[in-house]
């Protein structure tokens, strides 16, 4: 279980695989100077948290494991579209990855 740490001590726990995908999306948005809303539901019964992600606010991605998970391109595309949309980024379920270059069923 990793942590998304935003500002001076605001954090949510996320699994490393989700966090790795979130890191790519956030890096790409901030590299383009595109702030966005990130809504996170860290777990059952914990509620929902919203973060206005902006380049001026320090953030960290703290991973529990030492290896980077393999990235799912379809999931990255879904998350990038959400981050660029009017409602902002929410973590969607991971779609199936295509097998041998064929679309997922």
Protein backbone atom coordinates (compact mmCIF):
# COMPACT_ATOMS: atom_id res chain seq x y z
CA UNK A 1 0.00 0.00 0.00
CA UNK A 2 1.49 3.32 -1.11
CA UNK A 3 0.65 6.91 -0.25
CA UNK A 4 -0.30 9.99 -2.25
CA UNK A 5 1.02 12.88 -0.14
CA UNK A 6 -0.23 16.34 -1.06
CA UNK A 7 0.97 19.57 0.50
CA UNK A 8 2.29 19.69 4.05
CA UNK A 9 0.85 16.45 5.36
CA UNK A 10 -2.39 15.64 3.51
CA UNK A 11 -2.26 11.99 2.39
CA UNK A 12 -4.33 9.06 1.21
CA UNK A 13 -3.34 5.41 0.98
CA UNK A 14 -3.62 3.67 -2.40
CA UNK A 15 -2.28 0.37 -3.67
CA UNK A 16 1.04 0.64 -5.51
CA UNK A 17 -0.44 -0.31 -8.90
CA UNK A 18 -3.07 2.43 -8.74
CA UNK A 19 -0.51 4.89 -7.41
CA UNK A 20 1.88 4.16 -10.32
CA UNK A 21 -0.85 4.99 -12.83
CA UNK A 22 -1.89 8.08 -10.88
CA UNK A 23 1.74 9.26 -10.87
CA UNK A 24 1.95 9.15 -14.67
CA UNK A 25 -1.31 11.06 -15.10
CA UNK A 26 -0.35 13.74 -12.55
CA UNK A 27 3.14 14.13 -14.06
CA UNK A 28 1.71 14.64 -17.53
CA UNK A 29 -0.92 17.13 -16.42
CA UNK A 30 1.48 19.20 -14.32
CA UNK A 31 4.21 19.10 -16.97
CA UNK A 32 1.69 20.82 -19.26
CA UNK A 33 0.83 23.33 -16.49
CA UNK A 34 -2.73 21.98 -16.34
CA UNK A 35 -4.07 22.01 -12.77
CA UNK A 36 -7.05 19.70 -12.16
CA UNK A 37 -9.39 18.28 -9.53
CA UNK A 38 -8.63 14.83 -8.15
CA UNK A 39 -11.41 13.04 -6.26
CA UNK A 40 -10.29 10.04 -4.25
CA UNK A 41 -12.25 7.41 -2.37
CA UNK A 42 -9.49 5.74 -0.37
CA UNK A 43 -11.58 2.88 0.99
CA UNK A 44 -14.90 1.52 2.17
CA UNK A 45 -16.60 3.80 4.66
CA UNK A 46 -13.87 6.43 4.56
CA UNK A 47 -15.76 8.85 2.33
CA UNK A 48 -14.37 10.92 -0.49
CA UNK A 49 -11.56 13.49 -0.59
CA UNK A 50 -10.96 16.12 -3.25
CA UNK A 51 -7.60 17.69 -4.07
CA UNK A 52 -7.00 20.66 -6.37
CA UNK A 53 -3.74 19.49 -7.97
CA UNK A 54 -1.59 22.45 -8.92
CA UNK A 55 2.13 22.76 -9.76
CA UNK A 56 2.67 25.16 -6.81
CA UNK A 57 1.69 22.53 -4.22
CA UNK A 58 4.35 19.94 -3.30
CA UNK A 59 3.36 16.32 -3.72
CA UNK A 60 4.91 12.91 -3.26
CA UNK A 61 4.18 9.39 -4.37
CA UNK A 62 5.40 6.98 -1.74
CA UNK A 63 5.45 3.35 -2.87
CA UNK A 64 5.55 0.39 -0.51
CA UNK A 65 7.21 -2.02 -2.93
CA UNK A 66 10.57 -1.59 -4.63
CA UNK A 67 9.46 -2.57 -8.15
CA UNK A 68 7.45 -0.48 -10.56
CA UNK A 69 4.31 -2.28 -11.69
CA UNK A 70 3.68 -2.87 -15.39
CA UNK A 71 1.51 -0.05 -16.70
CA UNK A 72 -1.83 -0.59 -18.44
CA UNK A 73 -2.00 1.84 -21.39
CA UNK A 74 -5.80 1.61 -21.63
CA UNK A 75 -6.13 2.58 -17.96
CA UNK A 76 -3.72 5.49 -18.39
CA UNK A 77 -5.81 6.72 -21.34
CA UNK A 78 -9.02 6.47 -19.27
CA UNK A 79 -7.46 8.32 -16.34
CA UNK A 80 -6.01 11.07 -18.58
CA UNK A 81 -9.41 11.63 -20.21
CA UNK A 82 -11.03 11.88 -16.79
CA UNK A 83 -8.38 14.32 -15.52
CA UNK A 84 -8.99 16.53 -18.55
CA UNK A 85 -12.78 16.39 -18.22
CA UNK A 86 -15.11 18.77 -16.37
CA UNK A 87 -15.46 16.53 -13.30
CA UNK A 88 -11.74 15.95 -12.88
CA UNK A 89 -9.83 12.78 -12.14
CA UNK A 90 -11.44 9.90 -10.31
CA UNK A 91 -9.83 6.49 -10.09
CA UNK A 92 -11.80 4.20 -12.37
CA UNK A 93 -11.61 0.40 -12.37
CA UNK A 94 -8.70 -0.95 -14.38
CA UNK A 95 -9.81 -2.19 -17.81
CA UNK A 96 -8.57 -5.47 -19.21
CA UNK A 97 -5.38 -5.21 -21.21
CA UNK A 98 -5.40 -6.23 -24.88
CA UNK A 99 -3.80 -9.60 -25.63
CA UNK A 100 -1.35 -9.81 -28.54
CA UNK A 101 -2.36 -6.40 -29.84
CA UNK A 102 -6.05 -7.33 -30.09
CA UNK A 103 -8.71 -5.17 -28.42
CA UNK A 104 -9.92 -6.38 -25.02
CA UNK A 105 -13.32 -8.09 -25.00
